[in-house]
Amino acid sequence: MEEVARRVGPSSASRMPAAVVLLLGLLLLAVPRTLHASETFLYDLRWMGIKAGEARLEFIEDGDSLRIVSRAESAKWLSVFYKVDDRVESVVARKDNPGKGADHWVALSYRLRIREGRYRRDKELVFDHENGKVLFSDHIEKRKETYPVPEDTFDPLSGFFLLRKRPLEVGRPVDVTIFDSNKVWNVRVDILRREEVETRAGRFRTVVVKPNMKSEGIFDRKGDIYIYLTDDERHIPVLIRTKVAVGYIEAELTGGEF
């Protein structure tokens, strides 16, 4: 493992956690159509085939609202010289909309807490859809700002929640509007192909999608990202692959309660 530590090193490790956070967000690309009171997905995060950490996702339904809670932690060997402990929480709610039907979802709030080595980040978004605004809070720098946002704007996590509501057809991209890094971004998700893959959780028929990220923050990327979603109504993310500055990272579904 000492050899692994030398290969990763401070320069490589400083880039890798950012990709881990990105994967953490993208693991939430889809939420099952039918949710139970509590549902859990477990993932291994691997760097060039070496286990670098774990991620845990929980989906908690409370009436017409849905709370999505996730946590990513570095493996013990990596934590010795670069500890990662990232937590993300997003809340969405079903709202009646005369023009869009009763099954219309909106983002309510978003909280991102990052600990990566000496780097810390703690930010929050609260959406005010009636007035077309979002309140941004930086809890470390102790500042707050308000920004205008268009209708149906989501945070980096809940934005991809929309994919579960849309049919994924190969060759037909899906657009999602998100607010991130104090800006509104239009993210195009390409639907590439169907493919069968095997993970520790089993063998799955999947549809492969590729988000075209153009924002900053947790959406900053060095290479293309490929997400493998089950080719059914649930669209469960079972595998994610992305290139980083040094090598590549995979997030693989290993188990859970679903």
Protein backbone atom coordinates (compact mmCIF):
# COMPACT_ATOMS: atom_id res chain seq x y z
CA MET A 1 0.00 0.00 0.00
CA GLU A 2 3.00 2.28 0.46
CA GLU A 3 3.58 1.98 -3.27
CA VAL A 4 0.00 3.06 -3.87
CA ALA A 5 0.51 6.09 -1.64
CA ARG A 6 3.58 7.09 -3.62
CA ARG A 7 1.68 6.74 -6.89
CA VAL A 8 -1.20 8.87 -5.66
CA GLY A 9 0.93 11.45 -3.84
CA PRO A 10 -0.26 14.93 -2.82
CA SER A 11 -0.54 16.24 -6.40
CA SER A 12 -2.71 13.36 -7.56
CA ALA A 13 -4.71 13.10 -4.35
CA SER A 14 -5.60 16.78 -4.47
CA ARG A 15 -7.40 16.15 -7.75
CA MET A 16 -8.99 12.83 -6.88
CA PRO A 17 -11.38 13.96 -4.09
CA ALA A 18 -13.00 16.51 -6.40
CA ALA A 19 -13.83 13.66 -8.76
CA VAL A 20 -15.17 11.66 -5.83
CA VAL A 21 -17.56 14.51 -5.00
CA LEU A 22 -18.60 14.68 -8.63
CA LEU A 23 -19.35 10.96 -8.64
CA LEU A 24 -21.26 11.38 -5.42
CA GLY A 25 -23.52 13.90 -7.07
CA LEU A 26 -23.96 11.90 -10.21
CA LEU A 27 -24.87 8.77 -8.31
CA LEU A 28 -28.13 10.60 -7.72
CA LEU A 29 -28.84 10.84 -11.41
CA ALA A 30 -31.99 8.82 -10.95
CA VAL A 31 -34.33 7.92 -8.14
CA PRO A 32 -36.60 4.85 -8.21
CA ARG A 33 -40.16 5.59 -9.27
CA THR A 34 -41.52 3.77 -6.24
CA LEU A 35 -39.89 4.75 -2.94
CA HIS A 36 -40.19 3.15 0.45
CA ALA A 37 -39.87 4.91 3.81
CA SER A 38 -36.13 4.28 3.61
CA GLU A 39 -34.01 3.06 0.75
CA THR A 40 -30.24 2.66 0.70
CA PHE A 41 -27.64 2.23 -2.06
CA LEU A 42 -24.01 1.32 -1.31
CA TYR A 43 -21.09 1.96 -3.66
CA ASP A 44 -17.36 1.33 -3.80
CA LEU A 45 -15.26 4.19 -5.18
CA ARG A 46 -12.18 2.90 -7.00
CA TRP A 47 -9.20 4.75 -8.44
CA MET A 48 -7.52 2.76 -11.22
CA GLY A 49 -8.98 -0.42 -9.73
CA ILE A 50 -7.84 0.40 -6.18
CA LYS A 51 -10.54 0.98 -3.58
CA ALA A 52 -10.30 4.65 -2.58
CA GLY A 53 -13.54 5.03 -0.62
CA GLU A 54 -17.21 4.26 -0.20
CA ALA A 55 -20.47 6.11 -0.83
CA ARG A 56 -23.84 5.66 0.80
CA LEU A 57 -27.10 7.08 -0.57
CA GLU A 58 -30.41 7.19 1.25
CA PHE A 59 -33.81 8.18 -0.13
CA ILE A 60 -36.35 9.13 2.52
CA GLU A 61 -39.94 9.89 1.54
CA ASP A 62 -42.07 12.09 3.79
CA GLY A 63 -45.49 12.76 2.35
CA ASP A 64 -45.06 14.85 -0.80
CA SER A 65 -41.39 15.56 -0.13
CA LEU A 66 -38.29 13.48 -0.74
CA ARG A 67 -34.99 13.88 1.12
CA ILE A 68 -31.85 12.58 -0.57
CA VAL A 69 -28.88 12.10 1.74
CA SER A 70 -25.44 10.96 0.62
CA ARG A 71 -22.02 10.56 2.14
CA ALA A 72 -18.65 9.70 0.63
CA GLU A 73 -15.64 8.73 2.73
CA SER A 74 -12.07 7.90 1.78
CA ALA A 75 -10.62 4.48 2.52
CA LYS A 76 -8.39 4.13 5.59
CA TRP A 77 -5.18 3.98 3.57
CA LEU A 78 -6.03 7.21 1.76
CA SER A 79 -7.25 8.94 4.92
CA VAL A 80 -3.78 8.61 6.42
CA PHE A 81 -2.52 11.43 4.19
CA TYR A 82 -5.70 12.82 2.60
CA LYS A 83 -8.99 12.34 4.44
CA VAL A 84 -12.23 12.82 2.53
CA ASP A 85 -15.60 13.14 4.27
CA ASP A 86 -18.21 14.71 1.98
CA ARG A 87 -21.91 14.99 2.76
CA VAL A 88 -24.68 16.21 0.49
CA GLU A 89 -28.39 16.60 1.13
CA SER A 90 -31.14 17.72 -1.21
CA VAL A 91 -34.89 18.07 -0.63
CA VAL A 92 -37.49 18.07 -3.40
CA ALA A 93 -41.28 18.21 -3.21
CA ARG A 94 -44.26 17.34 -5.37
CA LYS A 95 -46.35 20.42 -6.13
CA ASP A 96 -49.64 20.80 -7.96
CA ASN A 97 -49.16 22.84 -11.11
CA PRO A 98 -52.20 23.56 -13.33
CA GLY A 99 -50.04 23.69 -16.42
CA LYS A 100 -47.80 20.71 -15.61
CA GLY A 101 -50.01 18.33 -13.67
CA ALA A 102 -50.11 17.05 -10.11
CA ASP A 103 -46.84 15.12 -10.41
CA HIS A 104 -44.66 18.21 -10.76
CA TRP A 105 -41.47 18.31 -8.67
CA VAL A 106 -39.55 21.35 -7.41
CA ALA A 107 -36.30 21.76 -5.50
CA LEU A 108 -36.62 23.08 -1.96
CA SER A 109 -33.13 23.07 -0.46
CA TYR A 110 -29.58 21.82 -0.92
CA ARG A 111 -26.67 21.52 1.53
CA LEU A 112 -23.10 20.59 0.61
CA ARG A 113 -20.44 19.93 3.25
CA ILE A 114 -16.97 19.04 2.05
CA ARG A 115 -13.88 17.98 3.96
CA GLU A 116 -10.95 17.08 1.72
CA GLY A 117 -7.59 17.25 3.39
CA ARG A 118 -7.33 20.84 4.66
CA TYR A 119 -10.00 22.05 2.26
CA ARG A 120 -13.42 22.83 3.73
CA ARG A 121 -16.65 23.91 2.10
CA ASP A 122 -20.13 24.38 3.55
CA LYS A 123 -22.76 25.96 1.33
CA GLU A 124 -26.55 25.94 1.19
CA LEU A 125 -29.30 26.82 -1.28
CA VAL A 126 -32.91 27.63 -0.40
CA PHE A 127 -35.32 28.04 -3.31
CA ASP A 128 -38.13 30.61 -3.43
CA HIS A 129 -40.08 29.50 -6.49
CA GLU A 130 -42.96 31.93 -6.03
CA ASN A 131 -40.57 34.87 -6.43
CA GLY A 132 -38.15 33.18 -8.85
CA LYS A 133 -35.17 33.43 -6.49
CA VAL A 134 -32.63 31.28 -4.69
CA LEU A 135 -30.87 32.20 -1.44
CA PHE A 136 -27.21 31.16 -1.39
CA SER A 137 -25.41 30.86 1.97
CA ASP A 138 -21.72 30.25 2.57
CA HIS A 139 -21.53 29.05 6.17
CA ILE A 140 -17.74 29.26 6.31
CA GLU A 141 -17.35 32.77 4.91
CA LYS A 142 -20.54 33.89 6.70
CA ARG A 143 -22.17 35.49 3.68
CA LYS A 144 -25.54 35.32 1.94
CA GLU A 145 -26.63 36.33 -1.54
CA THR A 146 -29.86 36.15 -3.52
CA TYR A 147 -29.99 35.30 -7.24
CA PRO A 148 -32.81 35.25 -9.80
CA VAL A 149 -33.56 31.84 -11.31
CA PRO A 150 -35.98 30.70 -14.02
CA GLU A 151 -38.84 28.30 -13.41
CA ASP A 152 -37.91 24.64 -12.90
CA THR A 153 -34.35 25.34 -11.75
CA PHE A 154 -32.80 22.66 -9.57
CA ASP A 155 -29.66 22.23 -7.49
CA PRO A 156 -26.80 19.95 -8.64
CA LEU A 157 -28.37 16.87 -7.01
CA SER A 158 -32.09 17.27 -7.51
CA GLY A 159 -31.65 18.46 -11.08
CA PHE A 160 -30.88 14.95 -12.18
CA PHE A 161 -33.83 13.66 -10.21
CA LEU A 162 -35.81 14.69 -13.29
CA LEU A 163 -34.26 11.89 -15.31
CA ARG A 164 -36.36 9.33 -13.50
CA LYS A 165 -39.45 11.12 -14.76
CA ARG A 166 -38.38 11.17 -18.38
CA PRO A 167 -38.10 8.32 -20.84
CA LEU A 168 -34.48 7.73 -21.82
CA GLU A 169 -34.27 7.08 -25.55
CA VAL A 170 -30.96 6.42 -27.25
CA GLY A 171 -29.98 9.36 -29.42
CA ARG A 172 -32.36 11.83 -27.76
CA PRO A 173 -30.58 14.10 -25.22
CA VAL A 174 -32.26 15.43 -22.08
CA ASP A 175 -31.74 18.99 -20.80
CA VAL A 176 -31.72 19.95 -17.12
CA THR A 177 -31.50 23.47 -15.67
CA ILE A 178 -29.41 23.75 -12.49
CA PHE A 179 -28.09 26.48 -10.22
CA ASP A 180 -24.46 25.97 -9.22
CA SER A 181 -21.48 28.21 -8.47
CA ASN A 182 -23.81 31.24 -8.34
CA LYS A 183 -24.94 30.72 -11.93
CA VAL A 184 -27.75 29.05 -13.86
CA TRP A 185 -26.55 26.30 -16.21
CA ASN A 186 -28.24 24.26 -18.90
CA VAL A 187 -26.85 20.73 -18.69
CA ARG A 188 -27.35 18.40 -21.63
CA VAL A 189 -27.35 14.66 -20.93
CA ASP A 190 -26.66 12.48 -23.98
CA ILE A 191 -28.34 9.06 -24.10
CA LEU A 192 -25.67 6.95 -25.78
CA ARG A 193 -26.47 3.24 -25.91
CA ARG A 194 -27.75 0.15 -24.13
CA GLU A 195 -25.25 -2.19 -22.53
CA GLU A 196 -25.20 -5.14 -20.12
CA VAL A 197 -22.81 -4.78 -17.18
CA GLU A 198 -21.90 -6.80 -14.12
CA THR A 199 -21.22 -5.35 -10.66
CA ARG A 200 -20.85 -6.83 -7.20
CA ALA A 201 -24.60 -6.26 -6.79
CA GLY A 202 -25.42 -8.37 -9.86
CA ARG A 203 -25.75 -8.24 -13.63
CA PHE A 204 -27.86 -5.46 -15.14
CA ARG A 205 -29.23 -4.33 -18.47
CA THR A 206 -28.39 -0.64 -18.60
CA VAL A 207 -28.72 2.51 -20.64
CA VAL A 208 -25.50 4.54 -20.80
CA VAL A 209 -25.75 8.32 -20.46
CA LYS A 210 -23.12 11.08 -20.59
CA PRO A 211 -23.72 14.44 -18.89
CA ASN A 212 -22.11 17.36 -20.66
CA MET A 213 -21.11 19.46 -17.67
CA LYS A 214 -20.39 23.11 -18.25
CA SER A 215 -20.61 24.44 -14.72
CA GLU A 216 -17.99 24.79 -12.04
CA GLY A 217 -17.83 23.46 -8.49
CA ILE A 218 -18.72 19.80 -8.15
CA PHE A 219 -19.52 19.72 -11.85
CA ASP A 220 -15.98 20.66 -12.87
CA ARG A 221 -14.44 17.75 -14.76
CA LYS A 222 -11.27 16.69 -16.52
CA GLY A 223 -12.78 13.93 -18.67
CA ASP A 224 -16.06 12.49 -19.88
CA ILE A 225 -18.37 10.83 -17.38
CA TYR A 226 -20.40 7.75 -18.24
CA ILE A 227 -23.31 6.65 -16.06
CA TYR A 228 -24.91 3.21 -16.38
CA LEU A 229 -28.58 3.27 -15.37
CA THR A 230 -30.81 0.21 -15.21
CA ASP A 231 -32.85 -0.01 -18.39
CA ASP A 232 -36.22 -0.03 -16.66
CA GLU A 233 -38.56 2.39 -14.92
CA ARG A 234 -36.32 2.66 -11.85
CA HIS A 235 -33.18 3.90 -13.65
CA ILE A 236 -30.90 2.91 -10.78
CA PRO A 237 -27.27 4.06 -11.26
CA VAL A 238 -25.23 0.85 -11.00
CA LEU A 239 -21.89 2.02 -12.42
CA ILE A 240 -20.14 5.32 -13.12
CA ARG A 241 -16.83 5.80 -14.90
CA THR A 242 -14.83 8.99 -15.35
CA LYS A 243 -11.28 10.03 -16.16
CA VAL A 244 -9.37 12.25 -13.74
CA ALA A 245 -6.02 14.03 -13.98
CA VAL A 246 -4.25 10.78 -13.09
CA GLY A 247 -6.03 7.61 -14.22
CA TYR A 248 -9.75 7.02 -13.78
CA ILE A 249 -12.38 6.54 -11.08
CA GLU A 250 -15.28 4.09 -10.93
CA ALA A 251 -18.28 4.02 -8.62
CA GLU A 252 -19.79 0.53 -8.49
CA LEU A 253 -23.02 -0.52 -6.84
CA THR A 254 -22.22 -3.19 -4.22
CA GLY A 255 -25.49 -3.57 -2.35
CA GLY A 256 -28.05 -1.90 -0.13
CA GLU A 257 -31.78 -2.13 0.46
CA PHE A 258 -33.80 -1.52 -2.68
